[in-house]
Amino acid sequence: MRDLILIVFLAVAIVATLKRPLWGALVWIFVSISSIHQLGYATATLPVAMVIGLCLLVSILAHRSEFHFAWSKPLIWLALFTLWMNVTYLASFRLEENYPMWERVMKINLFMFVVSGVILTRKDVDLVIWALVLALGLLGAKGGLFTIATGGTYLVWGPGGFIGGNNEFALALIMLIPLIYYLRFISERRWIKNALLAMMLLCAISAIGSHSRGALLAIAAMSALLIIKSKQRGILSLVAVITVVLVLVIMPTEWFDRMKTIESYEQDTSAMGRINAWTMAFNLALDRFFGSSFENVKFEYFLQYGLSTETALMQGPHSIYFQVLGQHGFVGLFLFLGMGISVWRCAGRVIRSSDGNTGQGARDVMLGQMTKASIVAFAVGGAFLGLAHFDMPYYLMLAISKLDQLTAKKQQAQLSREGVTP
């Protein structure tokens, strides 16, 4: 039955993609983030992403007037970062070993530029946010209910892909919470507002139910920024209080014991494994200008550059920063950080240039603030997870950079009407 539902969904998605490129872009975002096809048995082996991607390209060719690509500063940084990753891939001289992840990352980054070309209006920007929220919000709500029902005894796992693990899924949900809050802010129907409020709460519970210490730090940083920056501090404070109360009531003793290990990381094997991986990546980058390309969690690298080999193969690079540093060197890290700073500045320009007292201006300001909160969650939580190539932050980058462009055009048009030279 599940396979049948998924096949019908994919068939409808393909038809929608062929009818209009924007719908194809939204389907691409939804499928790539949620990995929904992996929830079935037969659909898990189907080349769903390839089919949707090809249909999207065909749709763009058939509806060329609905595609217009425009460079933005974050996209320039992304292009430079993508080119540099190709350089480090070729410089690794281990093309076959690095090929699977290289192909995956290149496909993701290529379609970032494709998707950017079909996001044309302010409404399109909101639809991208809706696609991100629906892709993970429903799964997060399910995870929250599961945590409540089981008393937090069992871990909440992700749907697959980059966020198949409990820690990775938790960070994705924490990044999603500000976007859910934004959609609640712009929604007019009360039942939608209430549903989104419940989704926010359940996603927070689901993230906590992952037993991820990094997620706890990320949700604390994100929540603090949300409450400080938002004008609706009452609702956010209420959600925070309810979440804390539910944690105190529901979560088992094992959860509290695990969270306490943040203070005594020297005695925790997992924490020391992270430090070992970070040391290895830093020393490797010092020794190799181009890094080692995508696959560098190898025993030989830990033997040469790490502190020890006891935790050499523990779950990857453990940090977006050291992941990029070890894989693509200091140049790669510079480009990666430059892209993030550029997205932050886009959000800042949207906030400064929008009138927060008007309807549309208030929406723009809110999306800018929520984008910053999501970036903070990714920056803090990502310090402990190897999610540098996870596509959700990149789609958020496309949305806010397009809004930045639209806001700038609106200002220029207004100045022209007033006879002022910008």
Protein backbone atom coordinates (compact mmCIF):
# COMPACT_ATOMS: atom_id res chain seq x y z
CA MET A 1 0.00 0.00 0.00
CA ARG A 2 2.83 2.38 0.89
CA ASP A 3 4.55 1.71 -2.43
CA LEU A 4 1.31 2.35 -4.32
CA ILE A 5 0.82 5.70 -2.59
CA LEU A 6 4.40 6.71 -3.33
CA ILE A 7 4.15 5.67 -6.98
CA VAL A 8 0.94 7.70 -7.40
CA PHE A 9 2.64 10.68 -5.73
CA LEU A 10 5.67 10.42 -8.02
CA ALA A 11 3.45 10.11 -11.11
CA VAL A 12 1.55 13.27 -10.14
CA ALA A 13 4.86 14.99 -9.39
CA ILE A 14 6.22 14.15 -12.85
CA VAL A 15 3.10 15.52 -14.55
CA ALA A 16 3.28 18.71 -12.46
CA THR A 17 6.98 19.07 -13.29
CA LEU A 18 6.35 18.84 -17.02
CA LYS A 19 3.53 21.39 -16.82
CA ARG A 20 5.56 24.07 -15.06
CA PRO A 21 9.26 24.34 -14.12
CA LEU A 22 8.48 25.90 -10.72
CA TRP A 23 6.48 22.86 -9.67
CA GLY A 24 9.36 20.70 -10.83
CA ALA A 25 11.80 22.70 -8.70
CA LEU A 26 9.54 22.32 -5.67
CA VAL A 27 9.21 18.57 -6.27
CA TRP A 28 12.99 18.31 -6.64
CA ILE A 29 13.49 20.11 -3.31
CA PHE A 30 10.87 17.98 -1.58
CA VAL A 31 12.24 14.67 -2.84
CA SER A 32 15.91 15.52 -2.30
CA ILE A 33 15.35 16.72 1.27
CA SER A 34 12.79 14.16 2.45
CA SER A 35 14.11 11.10 0.54
CA ILE A 36 10.45 10.11 0.53
CA HIS A 37 10.96 7.40 -2.08
CA GLN A 38 13.19 5.52 0.40
CA LEU A 39 10.19 4.99 2.67
CA GLY A 40 8.84 2.37 0.28
CA TYR A 41 10.19 -1.02 -0.72
CA ALA A 42 9.93 -0.94 -4.50
CA THR A 43 10.43 2.84 -4.80
CA ALA A 44 13.62 2.78 -2.74
CA THR A 45 15.54 1.34 -5.69
CA LEU A 46 14.00 3.56 -8.35
CA PRO A 47 16.10 6.42 -9.83
CA VAL A 48 13.57 8.98 -8.61
CA ALA A 49 15.95 11.94 -8.40
CA MET A 50 17.26 11.32 -11.91
CA VAL A 51 13.74 11.12 -13.38
CA ILE A 52 12.56 14.29 -11.62
CA GLY A 53 15.75 16.11 -12.62
CA LEU A 54 15.40 15.14 -16.29
CA CYS A 55 11.73 16.13 -16.30
CA LEU A 56 12.65 19.48 -14.78
CA LEU A 57 15.21 20.15 -17.51
CA VAL A 58 12.67 19.16 -20.20
CA SER A 59 10.10 21.46 -18.60
CA ILE A 60 12.53 24.37 -18.64
CA LEU A 61 13.24 23.82 -22.33
CA ALA A 62 9.50 23.71 -23.03
CA HIS A 63 8.74 26.81 -20.94
CA ARG A 64 11.78 29.01 -21.45
CA SER A 65 9.94 32.16 -20.45
CA GLU A 66 9.62 30.74 -16.92
CA PHE A 67 13.38 30.42 -16.47
CA HIS A 68 15.66 33.36 -15.83
CA PHE A 69 18.99 32.89 -14.09
CA ALA A 70 20.57 35.85 -12.30
CA TRP A 71 23.83 35.80 -10.40
CA SER A 72 23.85 36.70 -6.73
CA LYS A 73 26.83 36.91 -4.39
CA PRO A 74 26.02 33.61 -2.60
CA LEU A 75 25.73 31.89 -5.99
CA ILE A 76 29.11 33.28 -7.04
CA TRP A 77 30.63 31.85 -3.86
CA LEU A 78 28.87 28.53 -4.54
CA ALA A 79 30.21 28.47 -8.10
CA LEU A 80 33.76 29.11 -6.89
CA PHE A 81 33.41 26.46 -4.18
CA THR A 82 32.08 23.96 -6.73
CA LEU A 83 34.95 24.66 -9.13
CA TRP A 84 37.47 24.27 -6.32
CA MET A 85 35.96 20.93 -5.30
CA ASN A 86 36.55 19.73 -8.86
CA VAL A 87 40.18 20.83 -8.57
CA THR A 88 40.66 18.95 -5.29
CA TYR A 89 38.92 15.92 -6.77
CA LEU A 90 41.33 15.78 -9.70
CA ALA A 91 44.31 16.53 -7.44
CA SER A 92 43.49 13.60 -5.16
CA PHE A 93 44.60 11.04 -7.80
CA ARG A 94 42.00 8.73 -6.24
CA LEU A 95 39.23 9.44 -8.70
CA GLU A 96 37.48 6.09 -8.46
CA GLU A 97 37.42 6.19 -4.67
CA ASN A 98 36.08 9.75 -4.52
CA TYR A 99 33.75 9.49 -7.51
CA PRO A 100 30.47 8.47 -5.76
CA MET A 101 30.44 11.48 -3.42
CA TRP A 102 31.84 13.80 -6.10
CA GLU A 103 28.98 12.81 -8.43
CA ARG A 104 26.42 13.32 -5.67
CA VAL A 105 27.70 16.75 -4.65
CA MET A 106 28.08 17.95 -8.24
CA LYS A 107 24.51 16.91 -9.04
CA ILE A 108 23.21 18.78 -5.98
CA ASN A 109 25.19 21.92 -6.75
CA LEU A 110 24.30 21.90 -10.45
CA PHE A 111 20.60 21.82 -9.66
CA MET A 112 21.05 24.67 -7.21
CA PHE A 113 21.68 26.87 -10.23
CA VAL A 114 18.80 25.28 -12.14
CA VAL A 115 16.35 25.77 -9.26
CA SER A 116 17.56 29.34 -8.78
CA GLY A 117 16.54 30.13 -12.36
CA VAL A 118 12.88 29.20 -11.79
CA ILE A 119 12.45 31.14 -8.53
CA LEU A 120 11.23 34.39 -10.07
CA THR A 121 8.71 36.05 -7.73
CA ARG A 122 8.12 36.75 -4.05
CA LYS A 123 5.43 34.04 -4.07
CA ASP A 124 7.96 31.56 -5.45
CA VAL A 125 10.25 32.29 -2.48
CA ASP A 126 7.46 31.38 -0.06
CA LEU A 127 6.73 28.20 -2.01
CA VAL A 128 10.36 27.13 -1.59
CA ILE A 129 9.99 27.59 2.18
CA TRP A 130 6.77 25.56 2.12
CA ALA A 131 8.56 22.77 0.19
CA LEU A 132 11.32 22.64 2.82
CA VAL A 133 8.85 22.64 5.72
CA LEU A 134 6.59 19.96 4.26
CA ALA A 135 9.57 17.80 3.29
CA LEU A 136 10.73 17.45 6.90
CA GLY A 137 8.04 18.95 9.12
CA LEU A 138 5.66 16.02 8.86
CA LEU A 139 8.46 13.56 9.60
CA GLY A 140 9.57 15.73 12.50
CA ALA A 141 6.03 15.83 13.91
CA LYS A 142 5.86 12.05 13.65
CA GLY A 143 9.19 11.80 15.49
CA GLY A 144 7.90 14.10 18.21
CA LEU A 145 4.80 11.97 18.75
CA PHE A 146 7.02 8.87 18.80
CA THR A 147 9.23 10.44 21.48
CA ILE A 148 6.22 11.34 23.63
CA ALA A 149 4.64 7.89 23.19
CA THR A 150 7.82 6.00 24.08
CA GLY A 151 8.98 8.33 26.82
CA GLY A 152 12.13 9.19 24.90
CA THR A 153 13.53 5.69 25.37
CA TYR A 154 14.21 5.13 21.67
CA LEU A 155 16.15 7.39 19.32
CA VAL A 156 14.45 9.25 16.47
CA TRP A 157 16.11 8.48 13.14
CA GLY A 158 16.00 10.39 9.85
CA PRO A 159 14.47 9.37 6.53
CA GLY A 160 17.75 8.67 4.75
CA GLY A 161 20.27 10.48 2.58
CA PHE A 162 22.45 13.02 4.37
CA ILE A 163 20.09 13.05 7.35
CA GLY A 164 19.52 9.34 7.89
CA GLY A 165 21.25 9.43 11.28
CA ASN A 166 19.66 10.62 14.51
CA ASN A 167 22.09 13.52 14.99
CA GLU A 168 21.79 14.72 11.41
CA PHE A 169 17.99 14.56 11.40
CA ALA A 170 17.85 16.48 14.67
CA LEU A 171 19.93 19.33 13.24
CA ALA A 172 17.77 19.48 10.11
CA LEU A 173 14.64 19.82 12.29
CA ILE A 174 16.21 22.56 14.39
CA MET A 175 17.04 24.49 11.22
CA LEU A 176 13.45 23.95 10.11
CA ILE A 177 11.78 25.40 13.23
CA PRO A 178 12.44 29.08 12.30
CA LEU A 179 11.02 28.43 8.82
CA ILE A 180 7.88 26.88 10.32
CA TYR A 181 7.54 29.96 12.51
CA TYR A 182 7.82 32.17 9.42
CA LEU A 183 5.05 30.26 7.64
CA ARG A 184 2.88 30.58 10.74
CA PHE A 185 3.52 34.32 10.70
CA ILE A 186 2.36 34.75 7.09
CA SER A 187 -0.56 32.30 7.25
CA GLU A 188 -4.01 33.80 7.66
CA ARG A 189 -6.16 30.79 8.50
CA ARG A 190 -6.28 29.92 12.18
CA TRP A 191 -6.20 26.14 11.68
CA ILE A 192 -3.01 26.45 9.63
CA LYS A 193 -1.43 28.64 12.32
CA ASN A 194 -2.37 26.11 15.00
CA ALA A 195 -1.10 23.18 12.92
CA LEU A 196 2.23 24.91 12.31
CA LEU A 197 2.55 25.77 16.01
CA ALA A 198 2.02 22.10 16.87
CA MET A 199 4.57 21.14 14.21
CA MET A 200 7.14 23.49 15.76
CA LEU A 201 6.67 21.93 19.18
CA LEU A 202 6.77 18.35 17.90
CA CYS A 203 9.88 19.02 15.78
CA ALA A 204 11.64 20.38 18.87
CA ILE A 205 10.61 17.29 20.86
CA SER A 206 11.77 15.06 17.99
CA ALA A 207 15.18 16.78 17.91
CA ILE A 208 15.56 16.29 21.64
CA GLY A 209 14.42 12.68 21.24
CA SER A 210 17.40 12.07 18.99
CA HIS A 211 19.64 12.14 22.12
CA SER A 212 22.01 14.43 20.21
CA ARG A 213 24.18 16.72 22.33
CA GLY A 214 25.03 18.87 19.35
CA ALA A 215 21.32 19.28 18.67
CA LEU A 216 20.80 20.48 22.24
CA LEU A 217 23.42 23.20 21.76
CA ALA A 218 21.99 24.14 18.37
CA ILE A 219 18.42 24.41 19.61
CA ALA A 220 19.56 26.53 22.56
CA ALA A 221 21.43 28.96 20.28
CA MET A 222 18.61 29.10 17.74
CA SER A 223 15.92 29.58 20.41
CA ALA A 224 17.84 32.42 22.06
CA LEU A 225 18.17 34.26 18.73
CA LEU A 226 14.51 33.68 17.89
CA ILE A 227 13.25 35.04 21.19
CA ILE A 228 15.59 38.03 21.15
CA LYS A 229 14.88 39.08 17.56
CA SER A 230 11.18 38.28 17.23
CA LYS A 231 8.42 40.71 18.16
CA GLN A 232 6.20 37.76 19.11
CA ARG A 233 8.32 36.69 22.06
CA GLY A 234 5.28 35.47 23.98
CA ILE A 235 4.46 32.58 21.62
CA LEU A 236 8.09 31.56 21.23
CA SER A 237 8.68 31.69 24.97
CA LEU A 238 5.56 29.57 25.48
CA VAL A 239 6.82 26.96 23.01
CA ALA A 240 10.21 26.97 24.76
CA VAL A 241 8.61 26.53 28.20
CA ILE A 242 6.34 23.71 27.01
CA THR A 243 9.30 21.97 25.39
CA VAL A 244 11.39 22.20 28.56
CA VAL A 245 8.51 20.90 30.68
CA LEU A 246 7.92 17.97 28.32
CA VAL A 247 11.63 17.15 28.37
CA LEU A 248 11.69 17.14 32.16
CA VAL A 249 8.59 14.94 32.32
CA ILE A 250 9.16 12.59 29.39
CA MET A 251 12.86 12.01 28.82
CA PRO A 252 14.50 9.10 30.66
CA THR A 253 17.48 9.28 33.00
CA GLU A 254 19.77 8.03 30.22
CA TRP A 255 19.06 11.18 28.21
CA PHE A 256 20.07 13.50 31.05
CA ASP A 257 23.20 11.42 31.71
CA ARG A 258 24.20 11.73 28.05
CA MET A 259 23.65 15.50 28.00
CA LYS A 260 25.83 15.89 31.10
CA THR A 261 28.78 14.39 29.22
CA ILE A 262 29.13 17.74 27.40
CA GLU A 263 30.91 18.96 30.54
CA SER A 264 33.18 15.90 30.79
CA TYR A 265 34.05 15.34 27.13
CA GLU A 266 37.53 14.03 27.99
CA GLN A 267 35.95 10.88 29.41
CA ASP A 268 33.55 10.34 26.49
CA THR A 269 34.68 8.12 23.60
CA SER A 270 32.42 9.82 21.06
CA ALA A 271 33.66 13.31 22.00
CA MET A 272 37.30 12.21 21.84
CA GLY A 273 36.57 10.65 18.45
CA ARG A 274 35.47 14.07 17.24
CA ILE A 275 38.62 15.74 18.51
CA ASN A 276 40.68 13.03 16.84
CA ALA A 277 38.85 13.59 13.52
CA TRP A 278 39.28 17.37 13.75
CA THR A 279 42.99 17.02 14.49
CA MET A 280 43.41 14.66 11.56
CA ALA A 281 41.62 17.06 9.17
CA PHE A 282 43.65 20.07 10.33
CA ASN A 283 47.01 18.30 10.05
CA LEU A 284 46.04 16.85 6.68
CA ALA A 285 45.18 20.32 5.34
CA LEU A 286 48.49 21.68 6.62
CA ASP A 287 50.34 18.93 4.78
CA ARG A 288 48.25 18.85 1.58
CA PHE A 289 47.26 22.12 -0.08
CA PHE A 290 44.38 20.50 -1.97
CA GLY A 291 43.22 18.32 0.91
CA SER A 292 42.28 14.71 0.23
CA SER A 293 38.95 15.20 -1.59
CA PHE A 294 35.66 13.67 -0.46
CA GLU A 295 36.66 10.34 1.08
CA ASN A 296 39.19 11.04 3.81
CA VAL A 297 37.82 9.11 6.79
CA LYS A 298 40.40 6.40 6.30
CA PHE A 299 42.64 4.52 8.69
CA GLU A 300 45.78 5.58 6.86
CA TYR A 301 44.97 9.27 7.28
CA PHE A 302 44.32 8.86 11.01
CA LEU A 303 47.57 6.91 11.31
CA GLN A 304 49.51 9.73 9.66
CA TYR A 305 47.67 12.85 10.86
CA GLY A 306 45.42 11.90 13.80
CA LEU A 307 45.97 11.64 17.54
CA SER A 308 45.27 7.90 17.52
CA THR A 309 43.70 5.17 15.44
CA GLU A 310 41.32 3.88 18.14
CA THR A 311 38.44 6.12 16.98
CA ALA A 312 39.60 6.43 13.40
CA LEU A 313 36.45 5.26 11.67
CA MET A 314 33.80 6.68 14.00
CA GLN A 315 31.00 8.14 11.85
CA GLY A 316 32.90 10.54 9.67
CA PRO A 317 34.44 14.02 9.97
CA HIS A 318 32.16 15.23 12.81
CA SER A 319 32.14 18.88 11.70
CA ILE A 320 31.17 20.86 8.61
CA TYR A 321 34.24 23.06 9.10
CA PHE A 322 36.82 20.31 9.54
CA GLN A 323 35.06 18.25 6.89
CA VAL A 324 35.62 20.95 4.28
CA LEU A 325 39.10 21.68 5.62
CA GLY A 326 40.25 18.07 5.37
CA GLN A 327 38.58 17.41 2.04
CA HIS A 328 39.32 20.66 0.20
CA GLY A 329 42.04 22.43 2.16
CA PHE A 330 42.17 25.95 3.55
CA VAL A 331 41.05 27.42 0.22
CA GLY A 332 37.93 25.26 0.31
CA LEU A 333 37.18 26.30 3.89
CA PHE A 334 37.60 29.97 2.93
CA LEU A 335 35.11 29.59 0.07
CA PHE A 336 32.67 27.64 2.24
CA LEU A 337 32.74 30.26 5.00
CA GLY A 338 32.53 33.05 2.44
CA MET A 339 29.35 31.54 1.07
CA GLY A 340 27.84 31.35 4.56
CA ILE A 341 28.79 34.95 5.39
CA SER A 342 27.33 36.07 2.07
CA VAL A 343 23.99 34.41 2.91
CA TRP A 344 24.00 36.09 6.33
CA ARG A 345 24.60 39.48 4.70
CA CYS A 346 21.77 38.85 2.22
CA ALA A 347 19.41 38.25 5.12
CA GLY A 348 20.70 41.39 6.82
CA ARG A 349 20.11 43.53 3.70
CA VAL A 350 16.56 42.21 3.41
CA ILE A 351 15.89 43.16 7.03
CA ARG A 352 17.41 46.64 6.70
CA SER A 353 15.77 47.51 3.40
CA SER A 354 12.26 46.32 4.25
CA ASP A 355 9.58 48.24 6.08
CA GLY A 356 8.72 45.98 9.00
CA ASN A 357 5.49 47.87 9.67
CA THR A 358 3.79 47.06 6.36
CA GLY A 359 2.31 43.72 5.31
CA GLN A 360 4.86 42.66 2.71
CA GLY A 361 7.69 44.45 4.44
CA ALA A 362 6.94 42.64 7.69
CA ARG A 363 7.03 39.33 5.82
CA ASP A 364 10.40 40.14 4.32
CA VAL A 365 11.86 41.18 7.67
CA MET A 366 10.53 38.02 9.31
CA LEU A 367 12.01 35.75 6.63
CA GLY A 368 15.35 37.54 6.96
CA GLN A 369 15.34 37.05 10.73
CA MET A 370 14.27 33.41 10.51
CA THR A 371 16.95 32.74 7.89
CA LYS A 372 19.55 34.08 10.33
CA ALA A 373 18.17 31.86 13.10
CA SER A 374 18.37 28.82 10.81
CA ILE A 375 21.95 29.72 9.84
CA VAL A 376 22.90 29.98 13.52
CA ALA A 377 21.46 26.50 14.13
CA PHE A 378 23.44 25.10 11.19
CA ALA A 379 26.64 26.89 12.23
CA VAL A 380 26.44 25.64 15.83
CA GLY A 381 25.05 22.15 15.26
CA GLY A 382 27.16 21.66 12.15
CA ALA A 383 30.30 22.15 14.24
CA PHE A 384 29.72 18.59 15.45
CA LEU A 385 28.37 16.93 12.27
CA GLY A 386 29.70 16.28 8.77
CA LEU A 387 26.84 17.94 6.88
CA ALA A 388 28.76 20.40 4.73
CA HIS A 389 27.07 19.12 1.56
CA PHE A 390 23.55 18.73 2.99
CA ASP A 391 21.32 20.56 0.52
CA MET A 392 18.72 22.15 2.83
CA PRO A 393 20.91 25.18 3.80
CA TYR A 394 21.68 25.71 0.12
CA TYR A 395 17.98 25.88 -0.82
CA LEU A 396 17.46 28.39 1.96
CA MET A 397 20.38 30.32 0.45
CA LEU A 398 18.57 30.41 -2.90
CA ALA A 399 15.38 31.70 -1.29
CA ILE A 400 16.96 34.53 0.70
CA SER A 401 19.31 35.59 -2.11
CA LYS A 402 16.35 35.81 -4.52
CA LEU A 403 14.42 37.85 -1.94
CA ASP A 404 17.45 40.12 -1.64
CA GLN A 405 17.42 40.66 -5.40
CA LEU A 406 13.67 41.32 -5.49
CA THR A 407 13.93 43.79 -2.60
CA ALA A 408 16.76 45.65 -4.33
CA LYS A 409 14.75 45.88 -7.58
CA LYS A 410 11.74 47.16 -5.67
CA GLN A 411 13.86 49.88 -4.06
CA GLN A 412 15.38 50.90 -7.40
CA ALA A 413 11.92 51.10 -8.97
CA GLN A 414 10.67 53.28 -6.12
CA LEU A 415 13.67 55.60 -6.41
CA SER A 416 13.13 55.89 -10.15
CA ARG A 417 9.49 56.87 -9.61
CA GLU A 418 10.61 59.52 -7.16
CA GLY A 419 13.20 60.81 -9.59
CA VAL A 420 16.14 59.91 -7.38
CA THR A 421 19.28 58.38 -8.86
CA PRO A 422 20.27 55.27 -6.83
